[in-house]
C-alpha atoms as a PDB file:
ATOM      1  CA  MET A   1     -32.051 -13.424   3.980  1.00  0.00           C
ATOM      2  CA  ASP A   2     -33.597 -10.660   6.095  1.00  0.00           C
ATOM      3  CA  ASN A   3     -35.836  -9.433   3.266  1.00  0.00           C
ATOM      4  CA  PHE A   4     -37.775 -12.241   1.097  1.00  0.00           C
ATOM      5  CA  SER A   5     -37.908  -9.983  -2.002  1.00  0.00           C
ATOM      6  CA  ASP A   6     -33.882  -9.918  -2.302  1.00  0.00           C
ATOM      7  CA  LYS A   7     -32.611 -11.955  -5.052  1.00  0.00           C
ATOM      8  CA  ILE A   8     -28.935 -13.384  -4.298  1.00  0.00           C
ATOM      9  CA  LEU A   9     -26.622 -13.004  -6.977  1.00  0.00           C
ATOM     10  CA  PHE A  10     -23.173 -13.862  -5.808  1.00  0.00           C
ATOM     11  CA  LYS A  11     -22.165 -15.772  -2.873  1.00  0.00           C
ATOM     12  CA  THR A  12     -18.531 -16.743  -1.985  1.00  0.00           C
ATOM     13  CA  LYS A  13     -16.685 -17.722   1.377  1.00  0.00           C
ATOM     14  CA  GLN A  14     -13.350 -16.476   2.598  1.00  0.00           C
ATOM     15  CA  HIS A  15     -10.229 -17.676   1.161  1.00  0.00           C
ATOM     16  CA  LYS A  16      -9.096 -21.166   2.145  1.00  0.00           C
ATOM     17  CA  ILE A  17      -6.093 -19.761   3.869  1.00  0.00           C
ATOM     18  CA  VAL A  18      -8.391 -18.502   6.519  1.00  0.00           C
ATOM     19  CA  LEU A  19      -9.501 -22.156   6.964  1.00  0.00           C
ATOM     20  CA  PHE A  20      -6.046 -23.429   7.214  1.00  0.00           C
ATOM     21  CA  MET A  21      -4.962 -20.792   9.673  1.00  0.00           C
ATOM     22  CA  LYS A  22      -7.787 -21.586  12.012  1.00  0.00           C
ATOM     23  CA  PHE A  23      -7.009 -25.143  11.699  1.00  0.00           C
ATOM     24  CA  LEU A  24      -3.468 -24.575  12.340  1.00  0.00           C
ATOM     25  CA  LYS A  25      -4.060 -22.466  15.573  1.00  0.00           C
ATOM     26  CA  ASN A  26      -6.638 -24.783  16.973  1.00  0.00           C
ATOM     27  CA  GLU A  27      -3.920 -27.864  16.330  1.00  0.00           C
ATOM     28  CA  LEU A  28      -1.341 -25.761  18.229  1.00  0.00           C
ATOM     29  CA  ILE A  29      -3.363 -24.945  21.028  1.00  0.00           C
ATOM     30  CA  PHE A  30      -5.649 -28.137  21.532  1.00  0.00           C
ATOM     31  CA  VAL A  31      -4.293 -31.117  19.585  1.00  0.00           C
ATOM     32  CA  VAL A  32      -0.379 -30.998  20.268  1.00  0.00           C
ATOM     33  CA  PRO A  33      -0.558 -30.378  24.186  1.00  0.00           C
ATOM     34  CA  THR A  34      -3.093 -33.165  24.321  1.00  0.00           C
ATOM     35  CA  VAL A  35      -1.065 -35.601  22.382  1.00  0.00           C
ATOM     36  CA  VAL A  36       2.097 -34.615  24.584  1.00  0.00           C
ATOM     37  CA  VAL A  37      -0.025 -35.018  27.943  1.00  0.00           C
ATOM     38  CA  ILE A  38      -1.469 -38.545  26.745  1.00  0.00           C
ATOM     39  CA  TYR A  39       2.211 -39.642  25.809  1.00  0.00           C
ATOM     40  CA  ILE A  40       3.408 -38.436  29.352  1.00  0.00           C
ATOM     41  CA  LEU A  41       0.698 -40.186  31.269  1.00  0.00           C
ATOM     42  CA  PHE A  42       0.199 -43.196  29.646  1.00  0.00           C
ATOM     43  CA  LYS A  43       3.332 -44.225  27.533  1.00  0.00           C
ATOM     44  CA  ILE A  44       1.636 -45.504  24.729  1.00  0.00           C
ATOM     45  CA  SER A  45       3.410 -46.523  21.613  1.00  0.00           C
ATOM     46  CA  VAL A  46       4.134 -44.208  18.756  1.00  0.00           C
ATOM     47  CA  PHE A  47       1.544 -45.976  16.646  1.00  0.00           C
ATOM     48  CA  ILE A  48      -1.259 -45.506  18.715  1.00  0.00           C
ATOM     49  CA  LEU A  49      -0.170 -41.971  19.375  1.00  0.00           C
ATOM     50  CA  LEU A  50      -0.219 -41.043  15.897  1.00  0.00           C
ATOM     51  CA  ILE A  51      -3.769 -42.740  15.678  1.00  0.00           C
ATOM     52  CA  ILE A  52      -4.992 -40.507  18.574  1.00  0.00           C
ATOM     53  CA  PHE A  53      -3.174 -37.480  16.786  1.00  0.00           C
ATOM     54  CA  LEU A  54      -4.938 -38.211  13.360  1.00  0.00           C
ATOM     55  CA  VAL A  55      -8.452 -38.722  15.080  1.00  0.00           C
ATOM     56  CA  LEU A  56      -8.019 -35.185  17.268  1.00  0.00           C
ATOM     57  CA  SER A  57      -6.837 -33.297  13.963  1.00  0.00           C
ATOM     58  CA  PHE A  58      -9.717 -34.743  12.186  1.00  0.00           C
ATOM     59  CA  ILE A  59     -12.253 -33.507  14.529  1.00  0.00           C
ATOM     60  CA  ILE A  60     -10.326 -29.929  14.617  1.00  0.00           C
ATOM     61  CA  PHE A  61     -10.565 -29.803  11.073  1.00  0.00           C
ATOM     62  CA  SER A  62     -14.277 -30.926  10.750  1.00  0.00           C
ATOM     63  CA  TRP A  63     -15.204 -28.334  13.510  1.00  0.00           C
ATOM     64  CA  VAL A  64     -13.213 -25.536  12.069  1.00  0.00           C
ATOM     65  CA  PHE A  65     -14.382 -26.359   8.422  1.00  0.00           C
ATOM     66  CA  PHE A  66     -17.990 -26.299   9.439  1.00  0.00           C
ATOM     67  CA  PHE A  67     -17.926 -22.731  10.874  1.00  0.00           C
ATOM     68  CA  TRP A  68     -15.820 -21.706   7.727  1.00  0.00           C
ATOM     69  CA  ASN A  69     -18.370 -23.266   5.128  1.00  0.00           C
ATOM     70  CA  LYS A  70     -21.444 -21.571   6.861  1.00  0.00           C
ATOM     71  CA  SER A  71     -19.799 -18.190   6.508  1.00  0.00           C
ATOM     72  CA  TYR A  72     -20.354 -15.985   3.420  1.00  0.00           C
ATOM     73  CA  PHE A  73     -19.988 -12.725   1.727  1.00  0.00           C
ATOM     74  CA  ILE A  74     -23.446 -12.031  -0.023  1.00  0.00           C
ATOM     75  CA  ILE A  75     -24.277  -9.914  -2.957  1.00  0.00           C
ATOM     76  CA  THR A  76     -28.127  -9.570  -3.516  1.00  0.00           C
ATOM     77  CA  ASN A  77     -29.706  -7.017  -5.748  1.00  0.00           C
ATOM     78  CA  LYS A  78     -30.341  -4.624  -3.117  1.00  0.00           C
ATOM     79  CA  LYS A  79     -27.433  -5.008  -0.636  1.00  0.00           C
ATOM     80  CA  LEU A  80     -24.348  -6.599   0.615  1.00  0.00           C
ATOM     81  CA  SER A  81     -24.195  -8.952   3.382  1.00  0.00           C
ATOM     82  CA  ILE A  82     -21.752 -10.627   5.843  1.00  0.00           C
ATOM     83  CA  LYS A  83     -23.385 -14.003   7.217  1.00  0.00           C
ATOM     84  CA  VAL A  84     -20.820 -15.655   9.977  1.00  0.00           C
ATOM     85  CA  ARG A  85     -21.250 -18.636  11.933  1.00  0.00           C
ATOM     86  CA  ASN A  86     -19.026 -18.453  14.784  1.00  0.00           C
ATOM     87  CA  TRP A  87     -20.393 -21.020  17.478  1.00  0.00           C
ATOM     88  CA  LEU A  88     -23.000 -23.976  17.287  1.00  0.00           C
ATOM     89  CA  PHE A  89     -25.779 -21.226  18.710  1.00  0.00           C
ATOM     90  CA  SER A  90     -24.176 -17.941  17.648  1.00  0.00           C
ATOM     91  CA  LYS A  91     -24.458 -16.219  14.202  1.00  0.00           C
ATOM     92  CA  PHE A  92     -23.662 -12.673  12.992  1.00  0.00           C
ATOM     93  CA  HIS A  93     -25.325 -10.973  10.304  1.00  0.00           C
ATOM     94  CA  MET A  94     -24.639  -7.642   8.688  1.00  0.00           C
ATOM     95  CA  SER A  95     -25.955  -5.906   5.565  1.00  0.00           C
ATOM     96  CA  ILE A  96     -25.328  -2.651   3.883  1.00  0.00           C
ATOM     97  CA  TYR A  97     -27.653  -1.296   1.280  1.00  0.00           C
ATOM     98  CA  PHE A  98     -26.717  -0.165  -2.114  1.00  0.00           C
ATOM     99  CA  LYS A  99     -28.607   2.875  -1.791  1.00  0.00           C
ATOM    100  CA  ASN A 100     -26.674   3.786   1.330  1.00  0.00           C
ATOM    101  CA  ILE A 101     -23.212   3.056   0.216  1.00  0.00           C
ATOM    102  CA  LYS A 102     -21.138   6.272  -0.278  1.00  0.00           C
ATOM    103  CA  ASP A 103     -17.769   4.626  -1.270  1.00  0.00           C
ATOM    104  CA  ILE A 104     -16.131   1.032  -1.564  1.00  0.00           C
ATOM    105  CA  ALA A 105     -12.716  -0.042  -1.798  1.00  0.00           C
ATOM    106  CA  TYR A 106     -10.310  -2.950  -1.131  1.00  0.00           C
ATOM    107  CA  SER A 107      -6.738  -3.455   0.078  1.00  0.00           C
ATOM    108  CA  LYS A 108      -3.925  -5.783   0.761  1.00  0.00           C
ATOM    109  CA  ASN A 109      -2.093  -5.186   3.994  1.00  0.00           C
ATOM    110  CA  ASN A 110       0.640  -7.783   4.881  1.00  0.00           C
ATOM    111  CA  VAL A 111       2.802 -10.305   2.681  1.00  0.00           C
ATOM    112  CA  LEU A 112       0.445 -13.201   3.349  1.00  0.00           C
ATOM    113  CA  HIS A 113      -2.064 -11.101   1.395  1.00  0.00           C
ATOM    114  CA  TYR A 114       0.094 -10.855  -1.695  1.00  0.00           C
ATOM    115  CA  MET A 115       1.449 -14.616  -1.336  1.00  0.00           C
ATOM    116  CA  PHE A 116      -2.023 -15.956  -1.353  1.00  0.00           C
ATOM    117  CA  ASP A 117      -3.848 -13.486  -3.251  1.00  0.00           C
ATOM    118  CA  TYR A 118      -6.584 -12.485  -0.897  1.00  0.00           C
ATOM    119  CA  TRP A 119      -7.999  -9.039   0.119  1.00  0.00           C
ATOM    120  CA  THR A 120      -9.922  -7.063   2.380  1.00  0.00           C
ATOM    121  CA  PHE A 121     -13.177  -5.365   1.068  1.00  0.00           C
ATOM    122  CA  PHE A 122     -14.777  -2.253   2.605  1.00  0.00           C
ATOM    123  CA  ALA A 123     -17.958  -0.132   2.104  1.00  0.00           C
ATOM    124  CA  ARG A 124     -19.192   2.955   3.945  1.00  0.00           C
ATOM    125  CA  SER A 125     -22.516   4.553   4.360  1.00  0.00           C
ATOM    126  CA  SER A 126     -21.804   7.939   4.845  1.00  0.00           C
ATOM    127  CA  ALA A 127     -19.030  10.782   3.980  1.00  0.00           C
ATOM    128  CA  GLY A 128     -16.313  11.058   6.674  1.00  0.00           C
ATOM    129  CA  SER A 129     -17.193   7.857   8.421  1.00  0.00           C
ATOM    130  CA  SER A 130     -14.744   4.952   9.067  1.00  0.00           C
ATOM    131  CA  TRP A 131     -15.419   1.763   7.034  1.00  0.00           C
ATOM    132  CA  ASP A 132     -18.681   0.471   8.623  1.00  0.00           C
ATOM    133  CA  PHE A 133     -18.741  -2.629   6.430  1.00  0.00           C
ATOM    134  CA  GLU A 134     -15.869  -4.495   6.125  1.00  0.00           C
ATOM    135  CA  TRP A 135     -15.035  -8.502   5.337  1.00  0.00           C
ATOM    136  CA  PRO A 136     -11.162  -9.554   5.107  1.00  0.00           C
ATOM    137  CA  ALA A 137      -9.671 -12.514   3.320  1.00  0.00           C
ATOM    138  CA  LEU A 138     -11.810 -12.384   0.262  1.00  0.00           C
ATOM    139  CA  PRO A 139     -10.633 -14.461  -3.007  1.00  0.00           C
ATOM    140  CA  ASN A 140     -11.098 -12.984  -6.579  1.00  0.00           C
ATOM    141  CA  ILE A 141     -11.375  -9.443  -5.373  1.00  0.00           C
ATOM    142  CA  GLU A 142     -11.194  -7.616  -8.623  1.00  0.00           C
ATOM    143  CA  LYS A 143     -14.174  -9.543  -9.978  1.00  0.00           C
ATOM    144  CA  ILE A 144     -16.458  -9.080  -6.473  1.00  0.00           C
ATOM    145  CA  TYR A 145     -15.345  -5.154  -6.757  1.00  0.00           C
ATOM    146  CA  LYS A 146     -16.378  -4.869 -10.405  1.00  0.00           C
ATOM    147  CA  TYR A 147     -19.890  -7.001  -9.406  1.00  0.00           C
ATOM    148  CA  VAL A 148     -20.412  -4.254  -6.480  1.00  0.00           C
ATOM    149  CA  ASN A 149     -19.388  -1.251  -8.580  1.00  0.00           C
ATOM    150  CA  ASN A 150     -21.703  -2.209 -11.439  1.00  0.00           C
ATOM    151  CA  ILE A 151     -24.729  -2.917  -9.110  1.00  0.00           C
ATOM    152  CA  TYR A 152     -24.089   0.509  -7.158  1.00  0.00           C
ATOM    153  CA  LEU A 153     -24.185   2.556 -10.448  1.00  0.00           C
ATOM    154  CA  LEU A 154     -27.546   1.257 -11.292  1.00  0.00           C
ATOM    155  CA  SER A 155     -30.582   3.023 -10.088  1.00  0.00           C
ATOM    156  CA  GLU A 156     -33.000   1.343  -7.514  1.00  0.00           C
ATOM    157  CA  GLU A 157     -35.401   0.363 -10.105  1.00  0.00           C
ATOM    158  CA  LYS A 158     -32.728  -1.495 -12.319  1.00  0.00           C
ATOM    159  CA  ARG A 159     -31.558  -3.304  -9.228  1.00  0.00           C
ATOM    160  CA  GLU A 160     -34.946  -4.838  -9.111  1.00  0.00           C
ATOM    161  CA  LEU A 161     -34.567  -6.172 -12.830  1.00  0.00           C
ATOM    162  CA  LEU A 162     -31.437  -7.901 -11.796  1.00  0.00           C
ATOM    163  CA  GLU A 163     -31.709 -11.943 -11.827  1.00  0.00           C
ATOM    164  CA  SER A 164     -27.942 -13.040 -11.874  1.00  0.00           C
ATOM    165  CA  ILE A 165     -24.762 -11.737 -11.626  1.00  0.00           C
ATOM    166  CA  ASP A 166     -24.263 -12.277 -15.272  1.00  0.00           C
ATOM    167  CA  ASN A 167     -26.719  -9.799 -16.703  1.00  0.00           C
ATOM    168  CA  VAL A 168     -25.549  -6.923 -14.427  1.00  0.00           C
ATOM    169  CA  GLU A 169     -23.298  -5.428 -17.375  1.00  0.00           C
ATOM    170  CA  ASN A 170     -26.148  -6.138 -19.589  1.00  0.00           C
ATOM    171  CA  VAL A 171     -28.620  -4.122 -17.374  1.00  0.00           C
ATOM    172  CA  ASN A 172     -25.783  -1.341 -17.328  1.00  0.00           C
ATOM    173  CA  LEU A 173     -25.986  -1.146 -21.384  1.00  0.00           C
ATOM    174  CA  GLU A 174     -29.720  -0.589 -21.275  1.00  0.00           C
ATOM    175  CA  LYS A 175     -29.153   2.690 -19.761  1.00  0.00           C
ATOM    176  CA  THR A 176     -30.103   5.701 -22.076  1.00  0.00           C
ATOM    177  CA  VAL A 177     -27.146   6.097 -24.175  1.00  0.00           C
ATOM    178  CA  ASN A 178     -25.908   9.666 -24.696  1.00  0.00           C
ATOM    179  CA  LYS A 179     -25.386  10.139 -28.447  1.00  0.00           C
ATOM    180  CA  GLU A 180     -22.460  12.274 -28.004  1.00  0.00           C
ATOM    181  CA  THR A 181     -18.966  10.823 -29.168  1.00  0.00           C
ATOM    182  CA  PHE A 182     -16.101  10.351 -26.671  1.00  0.00           C
ATOM    183  CA  GLU A 183     -14.531  13.623 -27.916  1.00  0.00           C
ATOM    184  CA  GLU A 184     -17.619  15.779 -27.483  1.00  0.00           C
ATOM    185  CA  ILE A 185     -17.922  14.520 -24.192  1.00  0.00           C
ATOM    186  CA  VAL A 186     -14.281  15.361 -23.253  1.00  0.00           C
ATOM    187  CA  ASN A 187     -14.731  18.905 -24.660  1.00  0.00           C
ATOM    188  CA  LYS A 188     -17.785  19.596 -23.056  1.00  0.00           C
ATOM    189  CA  GLU A 189     -16.693  18.692 -19.641  1.00  0.00           C
ATOM    190  CA  LYS A 190     -13.331  20.154 -20.139  1.00  0.00           C
ATOM    191  CA  ASN A 191     -15.015  23.513 -20.837  1.00  0.00           C
ATOM    192  CA  VAL A 192     -17.422  23.265 -17.622  1.00  0.00           C
ATOM    193  CA  LEU A 193     -13.974  22.778 -15.455  1.00  0.00           C
ATOM    194  CA  LEU A 194     -12.217  25.612 -17.368  1.00  0.00           C
ATOM    195  CA  ASN A 195     -15.271  27.811 -16.477  1.00  0.00           C
ATOM    196  CA  ILE A 196     -14.742  27.383 -12.937  1.00  0.00           C
ATOM    197  CA  VAL A 197     -13.264  30.424 -11.269  1.00  0.00           C
ATOM    198  CA  TRP A 198     -10.580  28.710  -9.228  1.00  0.00           C
ATOM    199  CA  VAL A 199      -9.618  26.046 -12.191  1.00  0.00           C
ATOM    200  CA  LYS A 200      -6.682  27.147 -14.084  1.00  0.00           C
ATOM    201  CA  GLU A 201      -5.735  24.089 -16.285  1.00  0.00           C
ATOM    202  CA  VAL A 202      -7.105  20.946 -17.387  1.00  0.00           C
ATOM    203  CA  VAL A 203      -5.599  17.855 -19.037  1.00  0.00           C
ATOM    204  CA  LEU A 204      -7.059  14.677 -20.060  1.00  0.00           C
ATOM    205  CA  LEU A 205      -4.795  11.738 -19.074  1.00  0.00           C
ATOM    206  CA  ASN A 206      -3.492   9.132 -21.512  1.00  0.00           C
ATOM    207  CA  ASP A 207      -2.948   5.222 -20.990  1.00  0.00           C
ATOM    208  CA  LYS A 208       1.035   6.173 -20.508  1.00  0.00           C
ATOM    209  CA  ASP A 209      -0.283   8.483 -17.430  1.00  0.00           C
ATOM    210  CA  ARG A 210      -2.527   6.113 -16.161  1.00  0.00           C
ATOM    211  CA  ALA A 211       0.503   3.253 -15.896  1.00  0.00           C
ATOM    212  CA  PHE A 212       2.560   5.683 -14.203  1.00  0.00           C
ATOM    213  CA  ILE A 213      -0.277   6.729 -11.637  1.00  0.00           C
ATOM    214  CA  PHE A 214      -0.835   2.864 -11.103  1.00  0.00           C
ATOM    215  CA  GLU A 215       2.745   2.040 -10.535  1.00  0.00           C
ATOM    216  CA  ASN A 216       3.734   5.140  -8.029  1.00  0.00           C
ATOM    217  CA  GLU A 217       0.609   6.360  -6.286  1.00  0.00           C
ATOM    218  CA  GLU A 218       0.576   5.927  -2.535  1.00  0.00           C
ATOM    219  CA  ASP A 219      -1.358   2.536  -1.594  1.00  0.00           C
ATOM    220  CA  ARG A 220      -3.477   4.266   1.072  1.00  0.00           C
ATOM    221  CA  ASN A 221      -5.076   6.276  -1.700  1.00  0.00           C
ATOM    222  CA  HIS A 222      -7.394   3.679  -2.503  1.00  0.00           C
ATOM    223  CA  TRP A 223      -9.030   6.111  -5.176  1.00  0.00           C
ATOM    224  CA  VAL A 224      -6.492   4.787  -7.778  1.00  0.00           C
ATOM    225  CA  TYR A 225      -8.425   1.420  -8.347  1.00  0.00           C
ATOM    226  CA  GLU A 226     -11.564   3.322  -9.135  1.00  0.00           C
ATOM    227  CA  ALA A 227     -10.250   6.037 -11.042  1.00  0.00           C
ATOM    228  CA  LEU A 228      -8.050   4.080 -13.557  1.00  0.00           C
ATOM    229  CA  ARG A 229     -11.016   2.159 -14.392  1.00  0.00           C
ATOM    230  CA  LYS A 230     -12.792   5.292 -15.882  1.00  0.00           C
ATOM    231  CA  LYS A 231     -12.719   6.220 -19.454  1.00  0.00           C
ATOM    232  CA  VAL A 232     -12.388   9.985 -18.705  1.00  0.00           C
ATOM    233  CA  LEU A 233      -9.707  11.099 -16.287  1.00  0.00           C
ATOM    234  CA  PHE A 234      -8.747  14.530 -16.083  1.00  0.00           C
ATOM    235  CA  VAL A 235      -6.310  16.442 -14.115  1.00  0.00           C
ATOM    236  CA  ILE A 236      -6.713  19.886 -13.002  1.00  0.00           C
ATOM    237  CA  THR A 237      -4.705  22.643 -11.579  1.00  0.00           C
ATOM    238  CA  HIS A 238      -6.364  24.980  -8.826  1.00  0.00           C
ATOM    239  CA  ASP A 239      -5.196  27.779  -7.177  1.00  0.00           C
ATOM    240  CA  SER A 240      -5.692  28.913  -3.448  1.00  0.00           C
ATOM    241  CA  SER A 241      -9.690  29.924  -3.702  1.00  0.00           C
ATOM    242  CA  PHE A 242     -10.499  26.400  -4.517  1.00  0.00           C
ATOM    243  CA  ARG A 243     -13.775  25.609  -2.757  1.00  0.00           C
ATOM    244  CA  ASN A 244     -14.078  23.511   0.545  1.00  0.00           C
ATOM    245  CA  PRO A 245     -14.159  19.638  -0.695  1.00  0.00           C
ATOM    246  CA  ASP A 246     -17.741  18.147  -0.950  1.00  0.00           C
ATOM    247  CA  GLU A 247     -16.821  15.462   1.607  1.00  0.00           C
ATOM    248  CA  SER A 248     -14.062  14.552   4.180  1.00  0.00           C
ATOM    249  CA  ILE A 249     -10.632  14.194   2.320  1.00  0.00           C
ATOM    250  CA  VAL A 250      -9.321  11.863   5.218  1.00  0.00           C
ATOM    251  CA  LEU A 251     -10.536   8.860   6.900  1.00  0.00           C
ATOM    252  CA  GLN A 252      -8.925   6.978   9.826  1.00  0.00           C
ATOM    253  CA  LYS A 253      -9.983   3.889  11.586  1.00  0.00           C
ATOM    254  CA  TRP A 254      -7.847   3.071  14.657  1.00  0.00           C
ATOM    255  CA  ASP A 255      -4.238   3.554  13.449  1.00  0.00           C
ATOM    256  CA  LYS A 256      -4.930   3.444   9.520  1.00  0.00           C
ATOM    257  CA  VAL A 257      -5.194   6.546   7.680  1.00  0.00           C
ATOM    258  CA  ILE A 258      -6.576   6.321   4.066  1.00  0.00           C
ATOM    259  CA  PHE A 259      -7.390   9.207   1.281  1.00  0.00           C
ATOM    260  CA  PRO A 260     -10.710   8.343  -0.133  1.00  0.00           C
ATOM    261  CA  THR A 261     -12.646   9.596  -3.270  1.00  0.00           C
ATOM    262  CA  VAL A 262     -14.618  12.836  -3.004  1.00  0.00           C
ATOM    263  CA  LYS A 263     -17.426  13.805  -4.996  1.00  0.00           C
ATOM    264  CA  PHE A 264     -16.974  16.687  -7.632  1.00  0.00           C
ATOM    265  CA  HIS A 265     -20.408  18.465  -8.107  1.00  0.00           C
ATOM    266  CA  GLU A 266     -19.530  20.755 -10.915  1.00  0.00           C
ATOM    267  CA  ILE A 267     -19.747  17.917 -13.611  1.00  0.00           C
ATOM    268  CA  LYS A 268     -23.475  16.539 -13.794  1.00  0.00           C
ATOM    269  CA  ARG A 269     -22.593  13.171 -14.895  1.00  0.00           C
ATOM    270  CA  ASP A 270     -23.283   9.759 -12.972  1.00  0.00           C
ATOM    271  CA  SER A 271     -20.505   8.915 -10.485  1.00  0.00           C
ATOM    272  CA  VAL A 272     -18.209  11.845 -10.554  1.00  0.00           C
ATOM    273  CA  LEU A 273     -15.473  11.729  -8.206  1.00  0.00           C
ATOM    274  CA  SER A 274     -12.154  13.083  -7.386  1.00  0.00           C
ATOM    275  CA  ALA A 275      -9.198  12.863  -5.684  1.00  0.00           C
ATOM    276  CA  SER A 276      -5.921  14.583  -4.840  1.00  0.00           C
ATOM    277  CA  PRO A 277      -2.486  12.590  -5.803  1.00  0.00           C
ATOM    278  CA  TRP A 278       0.529  12.056  -3.884  1.00  0.00           C
ATOM    279  CA  LEU A 279       3.612  14.027  -4.243  1.00  0.00           C
ATOM    280  CA  SER A 280       5.358  11.723  -6.620  1.00  0.00           C
ATOM    281  CA  VAL A 281       2.150  11.570  -8.886  1.00  0.00           C
ATOM    282  CA  HIS A 282       1.774  15.381  -8.671  1.00  0.00           C
ATOM    283  CA  ASN A 283       5.473  16.009  -9.486  1.00  0.00           C
ATOM    284  CA  TYR A 284       4.957  13.783 -12.648  1.00  0.00           C
ATOM    285  CA  LEU A 285       1.857  15.597 -13.550  1.00  0.00           C
ATOM    286  CA  LYS A 286       2.757  19.247 -13.220  1.00  0.00           C
ATOM    287  CA  ASP A 287       4.907  18.948 -16.187  1.00  0.00           C
ATOM    288  CA  LYS A 288       1.650  18.500 -18.398  1.00  0.00           C
ATOM    289  CA  PHE A 289       0.772  22.245 -17.511  1.00  0.00           C
ATOM    290  CA  VAL A 290       2.302  25.309 -18.800  1.00  0.00           C
ATOM    291  CA  ASN A 291       0.883  27.765 -15.929  1.00  0.00           C
ATOM    292  CA  LEU A 292       1.435  26.143 -12.697  1.00  0.00           C
ATOM    293  CA  TRP A 293       2.607  28.098  -9.886  1.00  0.00           C
ATOM    294  CA  GLU A 294       4.719  27.100  -6.962  1.00  0.00           C
ATOM    295  CA  TYR A 295       1.416  26.879  -4.583  1.00  0.00           C
ATOM    296  CA  ASP A 296      -0.869  25.571  -7.104  1.00  0.00           C
ATOM    297  CA  ALA A 297      -2.184  22.236  -6.584  1.00  0.00           C
ATOM    298  CA  THR A 298      -3.425  19.278  -8.852  1.00  0.00           C
ATOM    299  CA  ILE A 299      -6.578  17.195  -8.596  1.00  0.00           C
ATOM    300  CA  LEU A 300      -7.647  14.113 -10.282  1.00  0.00           C
ATOM    301  CA  VAL A 301     -11.324  13.896 -11.603  1.00  0.00           C
ATOM    302  CA  TRP A 302     -12.884  11.033 -13.356  1.00  0.00           C
ATOM    303  CA  PHE A 303     -16.264   9.369 -14.624  1.00  0.00           C
ATOM    304  CA  ASP A 304     -17.751   6.967 -16.969  1.00  0.00           C
ATOM    305  CA  ILE A 305     -19.705   7.384 -20.206  1.00  0.00           C
END
């Protein structure tokens, strides 16, 4: 590690499908043509040819396995790191500190991702920027995302106390507990929202609403994975006097466009975020309101307690 005071909490390799695909690629590029050329030039027996094929395949597999086995996604108590061994004398190492992270997400982008259950993890360090920390083909992404999110929510002082990934949630529980009940918190923050001049109505969403959003929200809206995990999830309506967003509501990297989470400064609690729902979810939510006009919009606001 580039900082000796870091404590490695979690380390994992890419999914084994990456190892297989790289091995298959090298087989087709190097081994198969080599065996064909040997057969044409020397006319050796099929048995000898098979031995040559197996030996070359073993060498190729060992080569690919060495680099796959030396490349890691690492979570420490201070940062996320990517450590890649891409040649005998070539390494790549990239890190992003928790204190600099502004947003995290994960996604599946093709059929293979769904077939073999591997994902791409993203993190960015500034509002409105493209994803500047990215690691594809991670297995068990829900667990990794949970680890990263829980560590991110801690203060720097509490991150220093972490000794293993297993005590992250315990450290979270050691935070000063607000003695307010769930209903008191909901009512308090609902009143805060209703006192905002451009907010018209506020509704607390239930489990049925969350299930509908999960099933129907646009895949590019990565906020879904974050919002549905939080204990408090409001939907609010607003008119045209809505203030400018605290952060960019659209992010683009190459040809890919996503709609990230946006800070919501009016509620003074930890990790309050917001996002605008897709049309299908908006049409579902609008039936919850009694005073929604044609040009009013909906926003989801969420936080944990």
